[in-house]
C-alpha cells in the first residue's frame, strides 16, 4: 500500500523537486506552501509522514508542531524537520515536540535528504 507524505515547503521550486523525487520513489505526496494550508490536509487525508520546513510564511514550523501535537488525532504523526535553520535552540524546541529527525538542508544534497526521509517513513 502506497504511503503518503505531506510536504510543507514554501520554496516552490524546491517543493516541486522534492515532490517529484518522492513520487518517483513510489510515495503519494500532498504539498503545501504554508503550515496553514497543511493543517486541514493532515486532518482530512491519510498522511503517514510529514516533511516540515521551519521557516515558513505565517505560522512557522515550530508553531505547526505545537498545534498538531495538541490535537488527539494528529499528536502521533511522524514529522521530520528539513530546514535551513540549524540553530541549537530551534533543534531542541523541535525535538521537544516529538520529531523523528532534524535535517539542515545545507549539510546534504537533496537526493541524500530524500533518501534519509524515505528510510524513516
N, C-alpha and C. Protein backbone atom coordinates (compact mmCIF):
# COMPACT_ATOMS: atom_id res chain seq x y z
N UNK A 1 0.84 -1.19 0.00
CA UNK A 1 0.00 0.00 0.00
C UNK A 1 0.88 1.25 0.00
N UNK A 2 0.57 2.18 -0.87
CA UNK A 2 1.37 3.40 -1.01
C UNK A 2 1.24 4.27 0.23
N UNK A 3 2.37 4.76 0.72
CA UNK A 3 2.37 5.67 1.86
C UNK A 3 2.32 7.10 1.35
N UNK A 4 1.69 7.96 2.14
CA UNK A 4 1.50 9.35 1.75
C UNK A 4 2.30 10.30 2.63
N UNK A 5 2.96 11.24 1.96
CA UNK A 5 3.78 12.24 2.63
C UNK A 5 3.14 13.61 2.44
N UNK A 6 3.06 14.36 3.54
CA UNK A 6 2.66 15.76 3.47
C UNK A 6 3.94 16.57 3.47
N UNK A 7 4.17 17.29 2.40
CA UNK A 7 5.38 18.09 2.20
C UNK A 7 5.03 19.56 2.45
N UNK A 8 5.64 20.14 3.47
CA UNK A 8 5.39 21.55 3.80
C UNK A 8 6.69 22.31 3.58
N UNK A 9 6.76 22.95 2.43
CA UNK A 9 7.96 23.68 1.99
C UNK A 9 7.52 24.87 1.18
N UNK A 10 7.93 26.09 1.58
CA UNK A 10 7.45 27.30 0.92
C UNK A 10 8.22 27.69 -0.33
N UNK A 11 9.40 27.13 -0.55
CA UNK A 11 10.15 27.40 -1.77
C UNK A 11 9.53 26.55 -2.88
N UNK A 12 8.83 27.20 -3.81
CA UNK A 12 8.07 26.47 -4.84
C UNK A 12 8.93 25.51 -5.65
N UNK A 13 10.10 25.96 -6.08
CA UNK A 13 10.96 25.10 -6.91
C UNK A 13 11.44 23.89 -6.11
N UNK A 14 11.84 24.12 -4.88
CA UNK A 14 12.29 23.03 -4.03
C UNK A 14 11.13 22.09 -3.71
N UNK A 15 9.97 22.65 -3.45
CA UNK A 15 8.78 21.86 -3.18
C UNK A 15 8.50 20.91 -4.34
N UNK A 16 8.55 21.44 -5.55
CA UNK A 16 8.27 20.62 -6.73
C UNK A 16 9.35 19.55 -6.93
N UNK A 17 10.61 19.90 -6.72
CA UNK A 17 11.70 18.93 -6.88
C UNK A 17 11.57 17.78 -5.88
N UNK A 18 11.28 18.11 -4.63
CA UNK A 18 11.10 17.08 -3.60
C UNK A 18 9.91 16.20 -3.94
N UNK A 19 8.82 16.84 -4.33
CA UNK A 19 7.60 16.09 -4.68
C UNK A 19 7.90 15.09 -5.79
N UNK A 20 8.60 15.52 -6.81
CA UNK A 20 8.91 14.63 -7.93
C UNK A 20 9.78 13.46 -7.48
N UNK A 21 10.76 13.72 -6.63
CA UNK A 21 11.65 12.65 -6.15
C UNK A 21 10.89 11.64 -5.29
N UNK A 22 10.02 12.12 -4.43
CA UNK A 22 9.24 11.21 -3.59
C UNK A 22 8.25 10.39 -4.41
N UNK A 23 7.60 11.04 -5.37
CA UNK A 23 6.66 10.32 -6.24
C UNK A 23 7.39 9.27 -7.06
N UNK A 24 8.57 9.61 -7.56
CA UNK A 24 9.36 8.65 -8.33
C UNK A 24 9.73 7.44 -7.48
N UNK A 25 9.90 7.67 -6.17
CA UNK A 25 10.23 6.58 -5.24
C UNK A 25 8.99 5.78 -4.82
N UNK A 26 7.80 6.19 -5.32
CA UNK A 26 6.59 5.42 -5.06
C UNK A 26 5.68 5.94 -3.97
N UNK A 27 5.91 7.15 -3.51
CA UNK A 27 5.09 7.72 -2.44
C UNK A 27 4.04 8.66 -3.02
N UNK A 28 2.90 8.73 -2.35
CA UNK A 28 1.92 9.76 -2.66
C UNK A 28 2.36 11.02 -1.94
N UNK A 29 2.24 12.16 -2.58
CA UNK A 29 2.70 13.41 -1.98
C UNK A 29 1.62 14.47 -2.10
N UNK A 30 1.31 15.08 -0.97
CA UNK A 30 0.46 16.27 -0.94
C UNK A 30 1.37 17.39 -0.50
N UNK A 31 1.45 18.45 -1.31
CA UNK A 31 2.35 19.53 -0.93
C UNK A 31 1.57 20.76 -0.51
N UNK A 32 2.19 21.49 0.42
CA UNK A 32 1.62 22.74 0.92
C UNK A 32 2.76 23.75 1.00
N UNK A 33 2.43 25.00 0.75
CA UNK A 33 3.42 26.06 0.82
C UNK A 33 3.42 26.76 2.18
N UNK A 34 2.37 26.51 2.97
CA UNK A 34 2.28 27.12 4.31
C UNK A 34 1.76 26.08 5.30
N UNK A 35 2.03 26.35 6.57
CA UNK A 35 1.52 25.48 7.63
C UNK A 35 0.00 25.58 7.71
N UNK A 36 -0.52 26.77 7.45
CA UNK A 36 -1.97 26.95 7.50
C UNK A 36 -2.67 26.07 6.46
N UNK A 37 -2.08 25.91 5.28
CA UNK A 37 -2.64 25.02 4.25
C UNK A 37 -2.53 23.56 4.68
N UNK A 38 -1.49 23.24 5.42
CA UNK A 38 -1.18 21.85 5.75
C UNK A 38 -2.08 21.26 6.82
N UNK A 39 -2.53 22.05 7.77
CA UNK A 39 -3.31 21.50 8.88
C UNK A 39 -4.59 20.81 8.40
N UNK A 40 -5.41 21.44 7.54
CA UNK A 40 -6.61 20.73 7.08
C UNK A 40 -6.29 19.48 6.26
N UNK A 41 -5.18 19.50 5.54
CA UNK A 41 -4.76 18.30 4.80
C UNK A 41 -4.50 17.17 5.78
N UNK A 42 -3.75 17.48 6.81
CA UNK A 42 -3.40 16.48 7.82
C UNK A 42 -4.64 15.96 8.55
N UNK A 43 -5.62 16.82 8.73
CA UNK A 43 -6.85 16.42 9.42
C UNK A 43 -7.79 15.60 8.55
N UNK A 44 -7.70 15.77 7.23
CA UNK A 44 -8.71 15.18 6.35
C UNK A 44 -8.20 14.15 5.35
N UNK A 45 -6.90 13.92 5.31
CA UNK A 45 -6.35 12.95 4.35
C UNK A 45 -5.46 11.95 5.08
N UNK A 46 -5.34 10.75 4.52
CA UNK A 46 -4.47 9.75 5.16
C UNK A 46 -3.00 10.08 4.90
N UNK A 47 -2.35 10.66 5.88
CA UNK A 47 -0.95 11.06 5.77
C UNK A 47 -0.13 10.20 6.73
N UNK A 48 0.94 9.60 6.21
CA UNK A 48 1.79 8.74 7.01
C UNK A 48 3.01 9.46 7.58
N UNK A 49 3.41 10.55 6.93
CA UNK A 49 4.66 11.20 7.29
C UNK A 49 4.59 12.67 6.88
N UNK A 50 5.19 13.55 7.69
CA UNK A 50 5.21 14.98 7.38
C UNK A 50 6.66 15.44 7.23
N UNK A 51 6.95 16.06 6.10
CA UNK A 51 8.23 16.73 5.81
C UNK A 51 7.97 18.20 6.08
N UNK A 52 8.63 18.77 7.09
CA UNK A 52 8.30 20.11 7.57
C UNK A 52 9.49 21.06 7.50
N UNK A 53 9.29 22.18 6.84
CA UNK A 53 10.26 23.28 6.88
C UNK A 53 9.94 24.10 8.12
N UNK A 54 10.92 24.74 8.70
CA UNK A 54 10.69 25.58 9.89
C UNK A 54 10.37 27.02 9.50
N UNK A 55 11.15 27.56 8.55
CA UNK A 55 10.97 28.95 8.16
C UNK A 55 9.90 29.06 7.08
N UNK A 56 8.67 29.29 7.52
CA UNK A 56 7.52 29.38 6.63
C UNK A 56 6.85 30.73 6.80
N UNK A 57 6.16 31.21 5.76
CA UNK A 57 5.40 32.46 5.92
C UNK A 57 4.20 32.20 6.83
N UNK A 58 3.81 33.19 7.61
CA UNK A 58 2.70 32.99 8.54
C UNK A 58 3.14 32.11 9.70
N UNK A 59 2.39 31.07 9.96
CA UNK A 59 2.73 30.12 11.02
C UNK A 59 4.01 29.40 10.67
N UNK A 60 5.01 29.43 11.57
CA UNK A 60 6.25 28.74 11.26
C UNK A 60 6.15 27.26 11.65
N UNK A 61 7.19 26.51 11.34
CA UNK A 61 7.16 25.07 11.58
C UNK A 61 7.04 24.69 13.04
N UNK A 62 7.66 25.44 13.93
CA UNK A 62 7.55 25.14 15.36
C UNK A 62 6.12 25.36 15.85
N UNK A 63 5.49 26.42 15.38
CA UNK A 63 4.09 26.67 15.74
C UNK A 63 3.20 25.55 15.20
N UNK A 64 3.48 25.10 13.98
CA UNK A 64 2.74 23.98 13.39
C UNK A 64 2.86 22.74 14.27
N UNK A 65 4.07 22.44 14.73
CA UNK A 65 4.28 21.28 15.60
C UNK A 65 3.46 21.41 16.88
N UNK A 66 3.46 22.59 17.48
CA UNK A 66 2.68 22.80 18.71
C UNK A 66 1.20 22.54 18.47
N UNK A 67 0.70 23.05 17.35
CA UNK A 67 -0.73 22.88 17.03
C UNK A 67 -1.08 21.42 16.84
N UNK A 68 -0.33 20.70 16.01
CA UNK A 68 -0.72 19.32 15.72
C UNK A 68 -0.51 18.40 16.92
N UNK A 69 0.47 18.68 17.75
CA UNK A 69 0.71 17.83 18.92
C UNK A 69 -0.38 17.99 19.98
N UNK A 70 -1.18 19.04 19.88
CA UNK A 70 -2.28 19.26 20.82
C UNK A 70 -3.59 18.66 20.32
N UNK A 71 -3.59 18.13 19.09
CA UNK A 71 -4.78 17.52 18.53
C UNK A 71 -4.68 16.00 18.68
N UNK A 72 -5.64 15.39 19.38
CA UNK A 72 -5.54 13.94 19.65
C UNK A 72 -5.31 13.08 18.41
N UNK A 73 -5.94 13.39 17.31
CA UNK A 73 -5.79 12.56 16.11
C UNK A 73 -4.49 12.81 15.36
N UNK A 74 -3.80 13.89 15.67
CA UNK A 74 -2.58 14.24 14.95
C UNK A 74 -1.32 14.15 15.81
N UNK A 75 -1.47 13.99 17.10
CA UNK A 75 -0.33 14.11 18.02
C UNK A 75 0.77 13.08 17.79
N UNK A 76 0.44 11.95 17.15
CA UNK A 76 1.44 10.91 16.94
C UNK A 76 1.96 10.83 15.51
N UNK A 77 1.62 11.80 14.68
CA UNK A 77 2.11 11.78 13.29
C UNK A 77 3.62 11.89 13.27
N UNK A 78 4.24 11.10 12.39
CA UNK A 78 5.70 11.17 12.23
C UNK A 78 6.05 12.43 11.45
N UNK A 79 6.93 13.24 12.03
CA UNK A 79 7.34 14.51 11.42
C UNK A 79 8.87 14.59 11.41
N UNK A 80 9.41 14.94 10.26
CA UNK A 80 10.84 15.25 10.16
C UNK A 80 10.97 16.71 9.71
N UNK A 81 11.84 17.43 10.38
CA UNK A 81 12.11 18.82 10.01
C UNK A 81 13.27 18.82 9.02
N UNK A 82 13.07 19.54 7.92
CA UNK A 82 14.12 19.74 6.93
C UNK A 82 14.15 21.25 6.68
N UNK A 83 15.18 21.92 7.18
CA UNK A 83 15.17 23.38 7.17
C UNK A 83 16.56 23.96 7.02
N UNK A 84 16.63 25.22 6.61
CA UNK A 84 17.91 25.93 6.58
C UNK A 84 18.26 26.39 7.98
N UNK A 85 17.29 26.44 8.86
CA UNK A 85 17.51 26.87 10.23
C UNK A 85 18.11 25.72 11.03
N UNK A 86 19.38 25.87 11.39
CA UNK A 86 20.05 24.81 12.12
C UNK A 86 20.51 25.21 13.50
N UNK A 87 19.91 26.26 14.06
CA UNK A 87 20.36 26.72 15.38
C UNK A 87 20.02 25.69 16.45
N UNK A 88 20.87 25.62 17.44
CA UNK A 88 20.69 24.66 18.53
C UNK A 88 19.32 24.83 19.20
N UNK A 89 18.93 26.06 19.47
CA UNK A 89 17.65 26.32 20.13
C UNK A 89 16.47 25.83 19.31
N UNK A 90 16.51 26.05 18.01
CA UNK A 90 15.43 25.61 17.14
C UNK A 90 15.37 24.08 17.10
N UNK A 91 16.53 23.45 17.01
CA UNK A 91 16.56 21.98 17.00
C UNK A 91 15.99 21.42 18.30
N UNK A 92 16.39 21.98 19.42
CA UNK A 92 15.92 21.49 20.71
C UNK A 92 14.41 21.69 20.87
N UNK A 93 13.93 22.84 20.44
CA UNK A 93 12.48 23.11 20.52
C UNK A 93 11.71 22.10 19.67
N UNK A 94 12.19 21.84 18.47
CA UNK A 94 11.52 20.87 17.59
C UNK A 94 11.55 19.47 18.21
N UNK A 95 12.66 19.11 18.79
CA UNK A 95 12.77 17.77 19.42
C UNK A 95 11.80 17.63 20.58
N UNK A 96 11.53 18.72 21.29
CA UNK A 96 10.56 18.67 22.39
C UNK A 96 9.17 18.27 21.88
N UNK A 97 8.91 18.57 20.62
CA UNK A 97 7.59 18.29 20.04
C UNK A 97 7.56 16.94 19.33
N UNK A 98 8.57 16.11 19.55
CA UNK A 98 8.49 14.72 19.11
C UNK A 98 8.77 14.45 17.65
N UNK A 99 9.70 15.18 17.06
CA UNK A 99 10.05 14.91 15.66
C UNK A 99 10.91 13.64 15.58
N UNK A 100 10.93 13.02 14.41
CA UNK A 100 11.75 11.83 14.22
C UNK A 100 13.15 12.17 13.69
N UNK A 101 13.32 13.37 13.12
CA UNK A 101 14.62 13.77 12.59
C UNK A 101 14.62 15.28 12.37
N UNK A 102 15.84 15.86 12.37
CA UNK A 102 16.03 17.27 12.05
C UNK A 102 17.22 17.33 11.10
N UNK A 103 16.96 17.77 9.89
CA UNK A 103 17.99 17.82 8.84
C UNK A 103 18.20 19.27 8.41
N UNK A 104 19.44 19.72 8.44
CA UNK A 104 19.78 21.06 7.96
C UNK A 104 20.10 20.94 6.46
N UNK A 105 19.32 21.63 5.64
CA UNK A 105 19.41 21.50 4.18
C UNK A 105 20.81 21.70 3.63
N UNK A 106 21.54 22.67 4.17
CA UNK A 106 22.86 23.00 3.61
C UNK A 106 23.91 21.92 3.87
N UNK A 107 23.62 20.99 4.75
CA UNK A 107 24.60 19.97 5.09
C UNK A 107 24.51 18.72 4.20
N UNK A 108 23.51 18.67 3.32
CA UNK A 108 23.29 17.48 2.49
C UNK A 108 22.86 17.87 1.09
N UNK A 109 23.05 16.95 0.16
CA UNK A 109 22.49 17.09 -1.18
C UNK A 109 21.03 16.66 -1.11
N UNK A 110 20.21 17.18 -2.01
CA UNK A 110 18.78 16.88 -1.99
C UNK A 110 18.51 15.38 -2.07
N UNK A 111 19.22 14.67 -2.92
CA UNK A 111 18.99 13.22 -3.03
C UNK A 111 19.27 12.51 -1.71
N UNK A 112 20.30 12.96 -0.99
CA UNK A 112 20.63 12.36 0.30
C UNK A 112 19.54 12.64 1.34
N UNK A 113 18.99 13.86 1.31
CA UNK A 113 17.90 14.20 2.22
C UNK A 113 16.68 13.32 1.94
N UNK A 114 16.33 13.20 0.67
CA UNK A 114 15.18 12.38 0.28
C UNK A 114 15.39 10.93 0.73
N UNK A 115 16.58 10.40 0.49
CA UNK A 115 16.88 9.02 0.92
C UNK A 115 16.75 8.88 2.43
N UNK A 116 17.24 9.85 3.16
CA UNK A 116 17.16 9.79 4.62
C UNK A 116 15.70 9.83 5.10
N UNK A 117 14.90 10.67 4.47
CA UNK A 117 13.48 10.74 4.83
C UNK A 117 12.79 9.42 4.50
N UNK A 118 13.05 8.88 3.32
CA UNK A 118 12.41 7.63 2.91
C UNK A 118 12.72 6.52 3.91
N UNK A 119 13.90 6.51 4.45
CA UNK A 119 14.27 5.45 5.40
C UNK A 119 13.45 5.53 6.69
N UNK A 120 12.77 6.64 6.92
CA UNK A 120 12.01 6.84 8.16
C UNK A 120 10.50 6.75 7.99
N UNK A 121 10.06 6.68 6.76
CA UNK A 121 8.61 6.69 6.51
C UNK A 121 7.99 5.37 6.91
